C-alpha atoms as a PDB file:
ATOM      1  CA  UNK A   1     185.792 -50.942  92.169  1.00  0.00           C
ATOM      2  CA  UNK A   2     184.901 -50.413  95.765  1.00  0.00           C
ATOM      3  CA  UNK A   3     181.195 -49.852  97.685  1.00  0.00           C
ATOM      4  CA  UNK A   4     181.502 -47.054  99.925  1.00  0.00           C
ATOM      5  CA  UNK A   5     177.861 -45.027 102.240  1.00  0.00           C
ATOM      6  CA  UNK A   6     175.237 -42.848  99.903  1.00  0.00           C
ATOM      7  CA  UNK A   7     176.757 -39.752  99.466  1.00  0.00           C
ATOM      8  CA  UNK A   8     174.760 -36.513  98.532  1.00  0.00           C
ATOM      9  CA  UNK A   9     176.576 -35.573  95.546  1.00  0.00           C
ATOM     10  CA  UNK A  10     176.017 -39.525  93.603  1.00  0.00           C
ATOM     11  CA  UNK A  11     171.737 -37.739  93.624  1.00  0.00           C
ATOM     12  CA  UNK A  12     171.288 -37.807  90.729  1.00  0.00           C
ATOM     13  CA  UNK A  13     173.793 -40.542  89.732  1.00  0.00           C
ATOM     14  CA  UNK A  14     171.367 -42.929  91.441  1.00  0.00           C
ATOM     15  CA  UNK A  15     168.181 -41.559  90.482  1.00  0.00           C
ATOM     16  CA  UNK A  16     168.805 -42.157  86.662  1.00  0.00           C
ATOM     17  CA  UNK A  17     170.612 -45.553  87.995  1.00  0.00           C
ATOM     18  CA  UNK A  18     167.175 -46.223  89.491  1.00  0.00           C
ATOM     19  CA  UNK A  19     165.187 -44.796  86.732  1.00  0.00           C
ATOM     20  CA  UNK A  20     166.872 -47.061  84.111  1.00  0.00           C
ATOM     21  CA  UNK A  21     166.496 -50.244  86.967  1.00  0.00           C
ATOM     22  CA  UNK A  22     163.105 -49.848  87.485  1.00  0.00           C
ATOM     23  CA  UNK A  23     161.248 -46.484  86.313  1.00  0.00           C
ATOM     24  CA  UNK A  24     160.649 -42.943  86.355  1.00  0.00           C
ATOM     25  CA  UNK A  25     159.591 -41.866  89.822  1.00  0.00           C
ATOM     26  CA  UNK A  26     160.074 -44.912  91.592  1.00  0.00           C
ATOM     27  CA  UNK A  27     163.275 -44.195  93.086  1.00  0.00           C
ATOM     28  CA  UNK A  28     163.754 -39.856  93.324  1.00  0.00           C
ATOM     29  CA  UNK A  29     164.237 -38.452  96.891  1.00  0.00           C
ATOM     30  CA  UNK A  30     167.737 -40.930  97.779  1.00  0.00           C
ATOM     31  CA  UNK A  31     168.863 -38.285  99.965  1.00  0.00           C
ATOM     32  CA  UNK A  32     165.672 -38.661 101.970  1.00  0.00           C
ATOM     33  CA  UNK A  33     165.484 -41.351 101.980  1.00  0.00           C
ATOM     34  CA  UNK A  34     169.466 -42.274 102.677  1.00  0.00           C
ATOM     35  CA  UNK A  35     168.678 -39.861 105.900  1.00  0.00           C
ATOM     36  CA  UNK A  36     166.727 -41.978 107.873  1.00  0.00           C
ATOM     37  CA  UNK A  37     168.359 -43.133 110.645  1.00  0.00           C
ATOM     38  CA  UNK A  38     167.395 -46.231 110.487  1.00  0.00           C
ATOM     39  CA  UNK A  39     167.993 -46.252 106.801  1.00  0.00           C
ATOM     40  CA  UNK A  40     171.806 -48.058 104.472  1.00  0.00           C
ATOM     41  CA  UNK A  41     171.854 -46.874 101.291  1.00  0.00           C
ATOM     42  CA  UNK A  42     175.706 -48.211  99.308  1.00  0.00           C
ATOM     43  CA  UNK A  43     176.767 -47.025  96.454  1.00  0.00           C
ATOM     44  CA  UNK A  44     179.058 -48.616  94.280  1.00  0.00           C
ATOM     45  CA  UNK A  45     181.640 -46.962  91.627  1.00  0.00           C
ATOM     46  CA  UNK A  46     185.010 -46.597  89.938  1.00  0.00           C
ATOM     47  CA  UNK A  47     187.182 -44.076  91.248  1.00  0.00           C
ATOM     48  CA  UNK A  48     186.591 -42.186  87.562  1.00  0.00           C
ATOM     49  CA  UNK A  49     183.314 -41.476  90.121  1.00  0.00           C
ATOM     50  CA  UNK A  50     180.962 -43.544  87.581  1.00  0.00           C
ATOM     51  CA  UNK A  51     178.203 -45.585  89.545  1.00  0.00           C
ATOM     52  CA  UNK A  52     178.029 -49.067  89.000  1.00  0.00           C
ATOM     53  CA  UNK A  53     175.099 -50.248  91.191  1.00  0.00           C
ATOM     54  CA  UNK A  54     172.808 -49.338  94.375  1.00  0.00           C
ATOM     55  CA  UNK A  55     171.299 -50.998  97.589  1.00  0.00           C
ATOM     56  CA  UNK A  56     169.438 -49.865 100.305  1.00  0.00           C
ATOM     57  CA  UNK A  57     167.726 -50.876 103.166  1.00  0.00           C
ATOM     58  CA  UNK A  58     166.645 -49.952 106.590  1.00  0.00           C
ATOM     59  CA  UNK A  59     166.238 -51.631 109.959  1.00  0.00           C
ATOM     60  CA  UNK A  60     162.916 -51.791 112.025  1.00  0.00           C
ATOM     61  CA  UNK A  61     161.688 -52.626 114.805  1.00  0.00           C
ATOM     62  CA  UNK A  62     159.673 -55.283 115.643  1.00  0.00           C
ATOM     63  CA  UNK A  63     156.095 -55.489 114.866  1.00  0.00           C
ATOM     64  CA  UNK A  64     156.646 -52.487 112.533  1.00  0.00           C
ATOM     65  CA  UNK A  65     156.119 -54.427 109.036  1.00  0.00           C
ATOM     66  CA  UNK A  66     152.037 -53.334 108.580  1.00  0.00           C
ATOM     67  CA  UNK A  67     153.834 -49.863 108.637  1.00  0.00           C
ATOM     68  CA  UNK A  68     156.336 -50.977 106.313  1.00  0.00           C
ATOM     69  CA  UNK A  69     154.014 -51.684 103.489  1.00  0.00           C
ATOM     70  CA  UNK A  70     152.122 -48.865 104.648  1.00  0.00           C
ATOM     71  CA  UNK A  71     148.777 -51.020 105.468  1.00  0.00           C
ATOM     72  CA  UNK A  72     148.410 -51.902 102.029  1.00  0.00           C
ATOM     73  CA  UNK A  73     149.278 -55.406 101.375  1.00  0.00           C
ATOM     74  CA  UNK A  74     146.276 -56.829 103.720  1.00  0.00           C
ATOM     75  CA  UNK A  75     147.066 -60.455 103.018  1.00  0.00           C
ATOM     76  CA  UNK A  76     150.364 -61.234 105.011  1.00  0.00           C
ATOM     77  CA  UNK A  77     151.124 -64.482 105.633  1.00  0.00           C
ATOM     78  CA  UNK A  78     151.103 -65.259 108.727  1.00  0.00           C
ATOM     79  CA  UNK A  79     154.727 -66.707 108.688  1.00  0.00           C
ATOM     80  CA  UNK A  80     155.346 -63.153 108.347  1.00  0.00           C
ATOM     81  CA  UNK A  81     153.446 -61.895 110.534  1.00  0.00           C
ATOM     82  CA  UNK A  82     155.531 -64.240 113.339  1.00  0.00           C
ATOM     83  CA  UNK A  83     158.800 -63.155 111.319  1.00  0.00           C
ATOM     84  CA  UNK A  84     157.790 -59.356 112.269  1.00  0.00           C
ATOM     85  CA  UNK A  85     156.336 -60.764 116.126  1.00  0.00           C
ATOM     86  CA  UNK A  86     159.906 -62.510 116.897  1.00  0.00           C
ATOM     87  CA  UNK A  87     162.458 -59.585 116.326  1.00  0.00           C
ATOM     88  CA  UNK A  88     164.227 -56.631 114.740  1.00  0.00           C
ATOM     89  CA  UNK A  89     163.796 -57.446 110.371  1.00  0.00           C
ATOM     90  CA  UNK A  90     166.214 -56.157 108.228  1.00  0.00           C
ATOM     91  CA  UNK A  91     164.711 -54.890 104.671  1.00  0.00           C
ATOM     92  CA  UNK A  92     166.706 -55.096 101.720  1.00  0.00           C
ATOM     93  CA  UNK A  93     164.414 -53.113  99.029  1.00  0.00           C
ATOM     94  CA  UNK A  94     165.439 -51.791  96.451  1.00  0.00           C
ATOM     95  CA  UNK A  95     169.072 -53.511  94.307  1.00  0.00           C
ATOM     96  CA  UNK A  96     170.018 -51.636  91.110  1.00  0.00           C
ATOM     97  CA  UNK A  97     173.099 -52.418  89.085  1.00  0.00           C
ATOM     98  CA  UNK A  98     173.755 -50.702  86.021  1.00  0.00           C
ATOM     99  CA  UNK A  99     173.570 -52.890  82.918  1.00  0.00           C
ATOM    100  CA  UNK A 100     177.000 -52.931  81.970  1.00  0.00           C
ATOM    101  CA  UNK A 101     177.689 -54.689  84.880  1.00  0.00           C
ATOM    102  CA  UNK A 102     174.557 -57.549  85.348  1.00  0.00           C
ATOM    103  CA  UNK A 103     176.184 -60.397  85.298  1.00  0.00           C
ATOM    104  CA  UNK A 104     179.260 -59.237  87.089  1.00  0.00           C
ATOM    105  CA  UNK A 105     178.906 -60.425  90.823  1.00  0.00           C
ATOM    106  CA  UNK A 106     178.386 -57.059  91.952  1.00  0.00           C
ATOM    107  CA  UNK A 107     174.280 -57.734  92.491  1.00  0.00           C
ATOM    108  CA  UNK A 108     176.062 -60.257  94.402  1.00  0.00           C
ATOM    109  CA  UNK A 109     178.401 -57.834  96.605  1.00  0.00           C
ATOM    110  CA  UNK A 110     176.006 -54.882  97.014  1.00  0.00           C
ATOM    111  CA  UNK A 111     173.418 -57.231  98.346  1.00  0.00           C
ATOM    112  CA  UNK A 112     176.269 -59.251 100.980  1.00  0.00           C
ATOM    113  CA  UNK A 113     177.284 -55.719 101.375  1.00  0.00           C
ATOM    114  CA  UNK A 114     173.838 -54.251 102.594  1.00  0.00           C
ATOM    115  CA  UNK A 115     173.289 -58.146 105.062  1.00  0.00           C
ATOM    116  CA  UNK A 116     176.282 -57.321 106.838  1.00  0.00           C
ATOM    117  CA  UNK A 117     175.704 -53.581 107.628  1.00  0.00           C
ATOM    118  CA  UNK A 118     171.774 -54.300 108.563  1.00  0.00           C
ATOM    119  CA  UNK A 119     173.162 -57.363 111.011  1.00  0.00           C
ATOM    120  CA  UNK A 120     175.309 -54.719 112.705  1.00  0.00           C
ATOM    121  CA  UNK A 121     171.935 -52.596 112.408  1.00  0.00           C
ATOM    122  CA  UNK A 122     171.081 -55.554 114.854  1.00  0.00           C
ATOM    123  CA  UNK A 123     168.668 -57.085 112.840  1.00  0.00           C
ATOM    124  CA  UNK A 124     168.394 -60.980 113.047  1.00  0.00           C
ATOM    125  CA  UNK A 125     166.417 -61.617 109.973  1.00  0.00           C
ATOM    126  CA  UNK A 126     166.152 -60.014 107.076  1.00  0.00           C
ATOM    127  CA  UNK A 127     164.099 -60.168 103.798  1.00  0.00           C
ATOM    128  CA  UNK A 128     164.320 -59.228 100.804  1.00  0.00           C
ATOM    129  CA  UNK A 129     161.811 -57.565  98.436  1.00  0.00           C
ATOM    130  CA  UNK A 130     162.916 -57.810  94.304  1.00  0.00           C
ATOM    131  CA  UNK A 131     160.183 -56.534  91.746  1.00  0.00           C
ATOM    132  CA  UNK A 132     160.057 -59.024  88.764  1.00  0.00           C
ATOM    133  CA  UNK A 133     157.687 -58.716  86.444  1.00  0.00           C
ATOM    134  CA  UNK A 134     158.473 -59.016  81.797  1.00  0.00           C
ATOM    135  CA  UNK A 135     162.045 -57.829  81.927  1.00  0.00           C
ATOM    136  CA  UNK A 136     162.686 -58.040  85.699  1.00  0.00           C
ATOM    137  CA  UNK A 137     166.279 -60.407  86.127  1.00  0.00           C
ATOM    138  CA  UNK A 138     165.996 -63.621  87.363  1.00  0.00           C
ATOM    139  CA  UNK A 139     166.699 -64.161  91.762  1.00  0.00           C
ATOM    140  CA  UNK A 140     166.198 -67.124  92.885  1.00  0.00           C
ATOM    141  CA  UNK A 141     169.385 -68.607  92.115  1.00  0.00           C
ATOM    142  CA  UNK A 142     171.184 -65.337  93.765  1.00  0.00           C
ATOM    143  CA  UNK A 143     169.082 -65.574  96.667  1.00  0.00           C
ATOM    144  CA  UNK A 144     169.391 -69.411  97.137  1.00  0.00           C
ATOM    145  CA  UNK A 145     172.927 -68.738  97.222  1.00  0.00           C
ATOM    146  CA  UNK A 146     173.594 -66.314  99.522  1.00  0.00           C
ATOM    147  CA  UNK A 147     171.581 -68.471 101.777  1.00  0.00           C
ATOM    148  CA  UNK A 148     167.953 -66.613 101.998  1.00  0.00           C
ATOM    149  CA  UNK A 149     164.642 -68.711 100.665  1.00  0.00           C
ATOM    150  CA  UNK A 150     161.950 -67.826  98.731  1.00  0.00           C
ATOM    151  CA  UNK A 151     158.614 -66.588 101.654  1.00  0.00           C
ATOM    152  CA  UNK A 152     155.859 -65.198  99.751  1.00  0.00           C
ATOM    153  CA  UNK A 153     154.984 -62.987  97.013  1.00  0.00           C
ATOM    154  CA  UNK A 154     152.626 -59.330  97.302  1.00  0.00           C
ATOM    155  CA  UNK A 155     151.168 -59.069  93.700  1.00  0.00           C
ATOM    156  CA  UNK A 156     149.410 -55.695  96.279  1.00  0.00           C
ATOM    157  CA  UNK A 157     152.606 -54.432  96.576  1.00  0.00           C
ATOM    158  CA  UNK A 158     152.962 -51.571  95.097  1.00  0.00           C
ATOM    159  CA  UNK A 159     150.020 -51.848  92.058  1.00  0.00           C
ATOM    160  CA  UNK A 160     148.389 -48.733  93.059  1.00  0.00           C
ATOM    161  CA  UNK A 161     151.144 -46.493  92.885  1.00  0.00           C
ATOM    162  CA  UNK A 162     151.956 -48.379  89.509  1.00  0.00           C
ATOM    163  CA  UNK A 163     147.976 -47.515  88.204  1.00  0.00           C
ATOM    164  CA  UNK A 164     147.786 -44.020  89.546  1.00  0.00           C
ATOM    165  CA  UNK A 165     150.621 -43.249  87.657  1.00  0.00           C
ATOM    166  CA  UNK A 166     153.162 -42.015  90.288  1.00  0.00           C
ATOM    167  CA  UNK A 167     155.649 -43.566  88.470  1.00  0.00           C
ATOM    168  CA  UNK A 168     156.424 -45.694  85.450  1.00  0.00           C
ATOM    169  CA  UNK A 169     157.786 -48.659  85.589  1.00  0.00           C
ATOM    170  CA  UNK A 170     159.785 -49.968  83.232  1.00  0.00           C
ATOM    171  CA  UNK A 171     157.059 -53.451  82.048  1.00  0.00           C
ATOM    172  CA  UNK A 172     154.441 -51.174  82.510  1.00  0.00           C
ATOM    173  CA  UNK A 173     151.462 -51.228  79.784  1.00  0.00           C
ATOM    174  CA  UNK A 174     147.721 -50.014  80.621  1.00  0.00           C
ATOM    175  CA  UNK A 175     148.579 -51.618  83.881  1.00  0.00           C
ATOM    176  CA  UNK A 176     150.634 -52.902  86.026  1.00  0.00           C
ATOM    177  CA  UNK A 177     152.164 -55.313  85.968  1.00  0.00           C
ATOM    178  CA  UNK A 178     154.323 -56.764  88.493  1.00  0.00           C
ATOM    179  CA  UNK A 179     155.236 -57.442  92.036  1.00  0.00           C
ATOM    180  CA  UNK A 180     157.003 -58.545  94.211  1.00  0.00           C
ATOM    181  CA  UNK A 181     159.010 -60.926  95.542  1.00  0.00           C
ATOM    182  CA  UNK A 182     159.604 -61.784  99.355  1.00  0.00           C
ATOM    183  CA  UNK A 183     162.792 -63.432  99.892  1.00  0.00           C
ATOM    184  CA  UNK A 184     163.972 -64.569 104.183  1.00  0.00           C
ATOM    185  CA  UNK A 185     166.860 -65.488 105.920  1.00  0.00           C
ATOM    186  CA  UNK A 186     167.288 -65.818 109.956  1.00  0.00           C
ATOM    187  CA  UNK A 187     170.909 -65.343 110.933  1.00  0.00           C
ATOM    188  CA  UNK A 188     170.744 -66.476 114.223  1.00  0.00           C
END
């Protein structure tokens, strides 16, 4: 097993894995996302070409959190706003692990690899967001193990897109049932 930067050859496999983990349409343009100079996308794979997992994050400059959240979250807690003003934020946005690899520690390795990559790009604080719905994995123990602490829940984070049918969440019923769990970690 190896972890390496995303390359266009992984395009269709990344879309398939994201569909399995998050639902149809949630992560449909990995090449475009990976092309952003502030974005880092890593894939975990076997030498036979099978995709085991992926992680995607980006470096946010100071005072960019509202824009990152597309100004859709009006209830940004004071502590989140303070961290945004204090320095660069590294945001781990996507972590997906193939069902066959869940429980093997691969998610931990992917998050740790992205953690190090974002610090190397200048992040002094890190935020990780997880979709939390009926079938979402339990992440509190993992994040504590990696030195992150719970920050806040943002129930409005992507509900509008889900309710509008822009993607089909794996937990969707007649409305969006998910929320975002945000974890934080000060590096320095």
